Amino acid sequence: MSKARYKITIRCGSCGEKYILRGRQNQEGGYDTGFKKCVCGNEKKLNVDVVPE
């Protein structure tokens, strides 16, 4: 059985850019999406919303 997938919406707190990704929950309680940083260079000030698919 595969892990559940989640729809993850990330909005940059600096420039307002919005990313909609899909990912799976990891063992640390976070989500693996491959997202590293916003196009403006922001890595820390991110608003994340997670919804099961």
PDB file of N, CA and C in Angstrom:
ATOM      1  N   MET A   1       0.843  -1.182   0.000  1.00  0.00           N
ATOM      2  CA  MET A   1       0.000   0.000   0.000  1.00  0.00           C
ATOM      3  C   MET A   1       0.889   1.246   0.000  1.00  0.00           C
ATOM      4  N   SER A   2       0.608   2.195  -0.850  1.00  0.00           N
ATOM      5  CA  SER A   2       1.400   3.419  -0.930  1.00  0.00           C
ATOM      6  C   SER A   2       0.864   4.455   0.051  1.00  0.00           C
ATOM      7  N   LYS A   3       1.725   5.389   0.420  1.00  0.00           N
ATOM      8  CA  LYS A   3       1.331   6.460   1.335  1.00  0.00           C
ATOM      9  C   LYS A   3       0.330   7.388   0.650  1.00  0.00           C
ATOM     10  N   ALA A   4      -0.490   8.034   1.471  1.00  0.00           N
ATOM     11  CA  ALA A   4      -1.477   8.985   0.956  1.00  0.00           C
ATOM     12  C   ALA A   4      -0.780  10.204   0.367  1.00  0.00           C
ATOM     13  N   ARG A   5      -1.356  10.756  -0.690  1.00  0.00           N
ATOM     14  CA  ARG A   5      -0.813  11.975  -1.294  1.00  0.00           C
ATOM     15  C   ARG A   5      -1.603  13.174  -0.800  1.00  0.00           C
ATOM     16  N   TYR A   6      -0.929  14.307  -0.783  1.00  0.00           N
ATOM     17  CA  TYR A   6      -1.533  15.543  -0.308  1.00  0.00           C
ATOM     18  C   TYR A   6      -1.356  16.638  -1.340  1.00  0.00           C
ATOM     19  N   LYS A   7      -2.344  17.531  -1.413  1.00  0.00           N
ATOM     20  CA  LYS A   7      -2.243  18.738  -2.232  1.00  0.00           C
ATOM     21  C   LYS A   7      -1.705  19.817  -1.304  1.00  0.00           C
ATOM     22  N   ILE A   8      -0.553  20.376  -1.641  1.00  0.00           N
ATOM     23  CA  ILE A   8       0.132  21.328  -0.787  1.00  0.00           C
ATOM     24  C   ILE A   8       0.223  22.669  -1.507  1.00  0.00           C
ATOM     25  N   THR A   9      -0.362  23.683  -0.895  1.00  0.00           N
ATOM     26  CA  THR A   9      -0.329  25.028  -1.449  1.00  0.00           C
ATOM     27  C   THR A   9       0.669  25.843  -0.641  1.00  0.00           C
ATOM     28  N   ILE A  10       1.662  26.401  -1.316  1.00  0.00           N
ATOM     29  CA  ILE A  10       2.690  27.213  -0.669  1.00  0.00           C
ATOM     30  C   ILE A  10       2.583  28.625  -1.224  1.00  0.00           C
ATOM     31  N   ARG A  11       2.447  29.601  -0.325  1.00  0.00           N
ATOM     32  CA  ARG A  11       2.407  31.005  -0.731  1.00  0.00           C
ATOM     33  C   ARG A  11       3.570  31.716  -0.064  1.00  0.00           C
ATOM     34  N   CYS A  12       4.337  32.438  -0.874  1.00  0.00           N
ATOM     35  CA  CYS A  12       5.486  33.183  -0.390  1.00  0.00           C
ATOM     36  C   CYS A  12       5.007  34.395   0.404  1.00  0.00           C
ATOM     37  N   GLY A  13       5.556  34.574   1.610  1.00  0.00           N
ATOM     38  CA  GLY A  13       5.199  35.714   2.438  1.00  0.00           C
ATOM     39  C   GLY A  13       5.880  36.998   2.006  1.00  0.00           C
ATOM     40  N   SER A  14       6.898  36.889   1.159  1.00  0.00           N
ATOM     41  CA  SER A  14       7.616  38.078   0.691  1.00  0.00           C
ATOM     42  C   SER A  14       7.019  38.667  -0.576  1.00  0.00           C
ATOM     43  N   CYS A  15       6.845  37.839  -1.612  1.00  0.00           N
ATOM     44  CA  CYS A  15       6.376  38.369  -2.901  1.00  0.00           C
ATOM     45  C   CYS A  15       4.951  37.949  -3.254  1.00  0.00           C
ATOM     46  N   GLY A  16       4.378  36.973  -2.530  1.00  0.00           N
ATOM     47  CA  GLY A  16       3.002  36.551  -2.785  1.00  0.00           C
ATOM     48  C   GLY A  16       2.853  35.468  -3.841  1.00  0.00           C
ATOM     49  N   GLU A  17       3.940  34.981  -4.405  1.00  0.00           N
ATOM     50  CA  GLU A  17       3.887  33.904  -5.408  1.00  0.00           C
ATOM     51  C   GLU A  17       3.227  32.674  -4.789  1.00  0.00           C
ATOM     52  N   LYS A  18       2.433  31.947  -5.589  1.00  0.00           N
ATOM     53  CA  LYS A  18       1.691  30.788  -5.108  1.00  0.00           C
ATOM     54  C   LYS A  18       2.110  29.545  -5.885  1.00  0.00           C
ATOM     55  N   TYR A  19       2.368  28.466  -5.159  1.00  0.00           N
ATOM     56  CA  TYR A  19       2.755  27.180  -5.747  1.00  0.00           C
ATOM     57  C   TYR A  19       1.770  26.125  -5.271  1.00  0.00           C
ATOM     58  N   ILE A  20       1.291  25.297  -6.192  1.00  0.00           N
ATOM     59  CA  ILE A  20       0.419  24.183  -5.844  1.00  0.00           C
ATOM     60  C   ILE A  20       1.162  22.910  -6.234  1.00  0.00           C
ATOM     61  N   LEU A  21       1.467  22.091  -5.217  1.00  0.00           N
ATOM     62  CA  LEU A  21       2.283  20.892  -5.413  1.00  0.00           C
ATOM     63  C   LEU A  21       1.567  19.681  -4.840  1.00  0.00           C
ATOM     64  N   ARG A  22       2.063  18.512  -5.169  1.00  0.00           N
ATOM     65  CA  ARG A  22       1.579  17.277  -4.580  1.00  0.00           C
ATOM     66  C   ARG A  22       2.754  16.610  -3.895  1.00  0.00           C
ATOM     67  N   GLY A  23       2.483  16.003  -2.749  1.00  0.00           N
ATOM     68  CA  GLY A  23       3.561  15.358  -2.023  1.00  0.00           C
ATOM     69  C   GLY A  23       3.039  14.322  -1.052  1.00  0.00           C
ATOM     70  N   ARG A  24       3.980  13.685  -0.380  1.00  0.00           N
ATOM     71  CA  ARG A  24       3.668  12.659   0.612  1.00  0.00           C
ATOM     72  C   ARG A  24       4.295  13.062   1.938  1.00  0.00           C
ATOM     73  N   GLN A  25       3.669  12.631   3.033  1.00  0.00           N
ATOM     74  CA  GLN A  25       4.190  12.952   4.349  1.00  0.00           C
ATOM     75  C   GLN A  25       5.443  12.129   4.615  1.00  0.00           C
ATOM     76  N   ASN A  26       6.465  12.772   5.202  1.00  0.00           N
ATOM     77  CA  ASN A  26       7.699  12.056   5.525  1.00  0.00           C
ATOM     78  C   ASN A  26       7.699  11.639   6.991  1.00  0.00           C
ATOM     79  N   GLN A  27       8.727  10.938   7.409  1.00  0.00           N
ATOM     80  CA  GLN A  27       8.796  10.398   8.767  1.00  0.00           C
ATOM     81  C   GLN A  27       8.941  11.481   9.830  1.00  0.00           C
ATOM     82  N   GLU A  28       9.469  12.636   9.455  1.00  0.00           N
ATOM     83  CA  GLU A  28       9.650  13.732  10.411  1.00  0.00           C
ATOM     84  C   GLU A  28       8.368  14.534  10.628  1.00  0.00           C
ATOM     85  N   GLY A  29       7.306  14.230   9.890  1.00  0.00           N
ATOM     86  CA  GLY A  29       6.047  14.944  10.023  1.00  0.00           C
ATOM     87  C   GLY A  29       5.863  16.049   9.003  1.00  0.00           C
ATOM     88  N   GLY A  30       6.879  16.310   8.187  1.00  0.00           N
ATOM     89  CA  GLY A  30       6.778  17.305   7.123  1.00  0.00           C
ATOM     90  C   GLY A  30       6.254  16.659   5.853  1.00  0.00           C
ATOM     91  N   TYR A  31       6.391  17.368   4.737  1.00  0.00           N
ATOM     92  CA  TYR A  31       5.896  16.861   3.459  1.00  0.00           C
ATOM     93  C   TYR A  31       6.983  16.952   2.405  1.00  0.00           C
ATOM     94  N   ASP A  32       7.151  15.891   1.621  1.00  0.00           N
ATOM     95  CA  ASP A  32       8.138  15.853   0.551  1.00  0.00           C
ATOM     96  C   ASP A  32       7.476  16.274  -0.750  1.00  0.00           C
ATOM     97  N   THR A  33       7.887  17.453  -1.270  1.00  0.00           N
ATOM     98  CA  THR A  33       7.332  17.959  -2.522  1.00  0.00           C
ATOM     99  C   THR A  33       8.423  18.285  -3.530  1.00  0.00           C
ATOM    100  N   GLY A  34       9.650  18.446  -3.070  1.00  0.00           N
ATOM    101  CA  GLY A  34      10.727  18.882  -3.941  1.00  0.00           C
ATOM    102  C   GLY A  34      10.895  20.390  -3.951  1.00  0.00           C
ATOM    103  N   PHE A  35      10.015  21.120  -3.249  1.00  0.00           N
ATOM    104  CA  PHE A  35      10.086  22.586  -3.203  1.00  0.00           C
ATOM    105  C   PHE A  35      11.287  23.011  -2.366  1.00  0.00           C
ATOM    106  N   LYS A  36      12.100  23.924  -2.900  1.00  0.00           N
ATOM    107  CA  LYS A  36      13.286  24.416  -2.191  1.00  0.00           C
ATOM    108  C   LYS A  36      13.135  25.864  -1.755  1.00  0.00           C
ATOM    109  N   LYS A  37      12.823  26.759  -2.725  1.00  0.00           N
ATOM    110  CA  LYS A  37      12.648  28.168  -2.394  1.00  0.00           C
ATOM    111  C   LYS A  37      11.852  28.860  -3.481  1.00  0.00           C
ATOM    112  N   CYS A  38      11.332  30.018  -3.142  1.00  0.00           N
ATOM    113  CA  CYS A  38      10.545  30.821  -4.072  1.00  0.00           C
ATOM    114  C   CYS A  38      11.460  31.429  -5.139  1.00  0.00           C
ATOM    115  N   VAL A  39      10.883  31.857  -6.231  1.00  0.00           N
ATOM    116  CA  VAL A  39      11.656  32.497  -7.299  1.00  0.00           C
ATOM    117  C   VAL A  39      12.293  33.798  -6.827  1.00  0.00           C
ATOM    118  N   CYS A  40      11.755  34.428  -5.770  1.00  0.00           N
ATOM    119  CA  CYS A  40      12.342  35.658  -5.244  1.00  0.00           C
ATOM    120  C   CYS A  40      13.518  35.368  -4.309  1.00  0.00           C
ATOM    121  N   GLY A  41      13.774  34.103  -4.015  1.00  0.00           N
ATOM    122  CA  GLY A  41      14.893  33.724  -3.159  1.00  0.00           C
ATOM    123  C   GLY A  41      14.486  33.429  -1.723  1.00  0.00           C
ATOM    124  N   ASN A  42      13.238  33.643  -1.375  1.00  0.00           N
ATOM    125  CA  ASN A  42      12.754  33.403  -0.015  1.00  0.00           C
ATOM    126  C   ASN A  42      12.706  31.910   0.283  1.00  0.00           C
ATOM    127  N   GLU A  43      13.271  31.500   1.421  1.00  0.00           N
ATOM    128  CA  GLU A  43      13.242  30.097   1.838  1.00  0.00           C
ATOM    129  C   GLU A  43      12.525  29.886   3.164  1.00  0.00           C
ATOM    130  N   LYS A  44      12.311  30.950   3.921  1.00  0.00           N
ATOM    131  CA  LYS A  44      11.820  30.808   5.286  1.00  0.00           C
ATOM    132  C   LYS A  44      10.389  31.306   5.507  1.00  0.00           C
ATOM    133  N   LYS A  45      10.036  32.429   4.946  1.00  0.00           N
ATOM    134  CA  LYS A  45       8.732  33.060   5.202  1.00  0.00           C
ATOM    135  C   LYS A  45       7.699  32.527   4.204  1.00  0.00           C
ATOM    136  N   LEU A  46       7.227  31.287   4.450  1.00  0.00           N
ATOM    137  CA  LEU A  46       6.286  30.615   3.562  1.00  0.00           C
ATOM    138  C   LEU A  46       5.042  30.210   4.313  1.00  0.00           C
ATOM    139  N   ASN A  47       3.885  30.387   3.706  1.00  0.00           N
ATOM    140  CA  ASN A  47       2.618  29.936   4.266  1.00  0.00           C
ATOM    141  C   ASN A  47       2.245  28.645   3.545  1.00  0.00           C
ATOM    142  N   VAL A  48       2.071  27.554   4.317  1.00  0.00           N
ATOM    143  CA  VAL A  48       1.823  26.237   3.748  1.00  0.00           C
ATOM    144  C   VAL A  48       0.454  25.755   4.181  1.00  0.00           C
ATOM    145  N   ASP A  49      -0.359  25.293   3.205  1.00  0.00           N
ATOM    146  CA  ASP A  49      -1.668  24.722   3.473  1.00  0.00           C
ATOM    147  C   ASP A  49      -1.709  23.324   2.878  1.00  0.00           C
ATOM    148  N   VAL A  50      -2.083  22.326   3.674  1.00  0.00           N
ATOM    149  CA  VAL A  50      -2.069  20.926   3.250  1.00  0.00           C
ATOM    150  C   VAL A  50      -3.485  20.356   3.274  1.00  0.00           C
ATOM    151  N   VAL A  51      -3.877  19.699   2.160  1.00  0.00           N
ATOM    152  CA  VAL A  51      -5.192  19.079   2.049  1.00  0.00           C
ATOM    153  C   VAL A  51      -5.012  17.679   1.467  1.00  0.00           C
ATOM    154  N   PRO A  52      -5.627  16.645   2.086  1.00  0.00           N
ATOM    155  CA  PRO A  52      -5.524  15.298   1.505  1.00  0.00           C
ATOM    156  C   PRO A  52      -6.182  15.238   0.126  1.00  0.00           C
ATOM    157  N   GLU A  53      -5.640  14.410  -0.749  1.00  0.00           N
ATOM    158  CA  GLU A  53      -6.237  14.244  -2.094  1.00  0.00           C
ATOM    159  C   GLU A  53      -7.280  13.154  -2.054  1.00  0.00           C
TER     160      GLU A  53
END
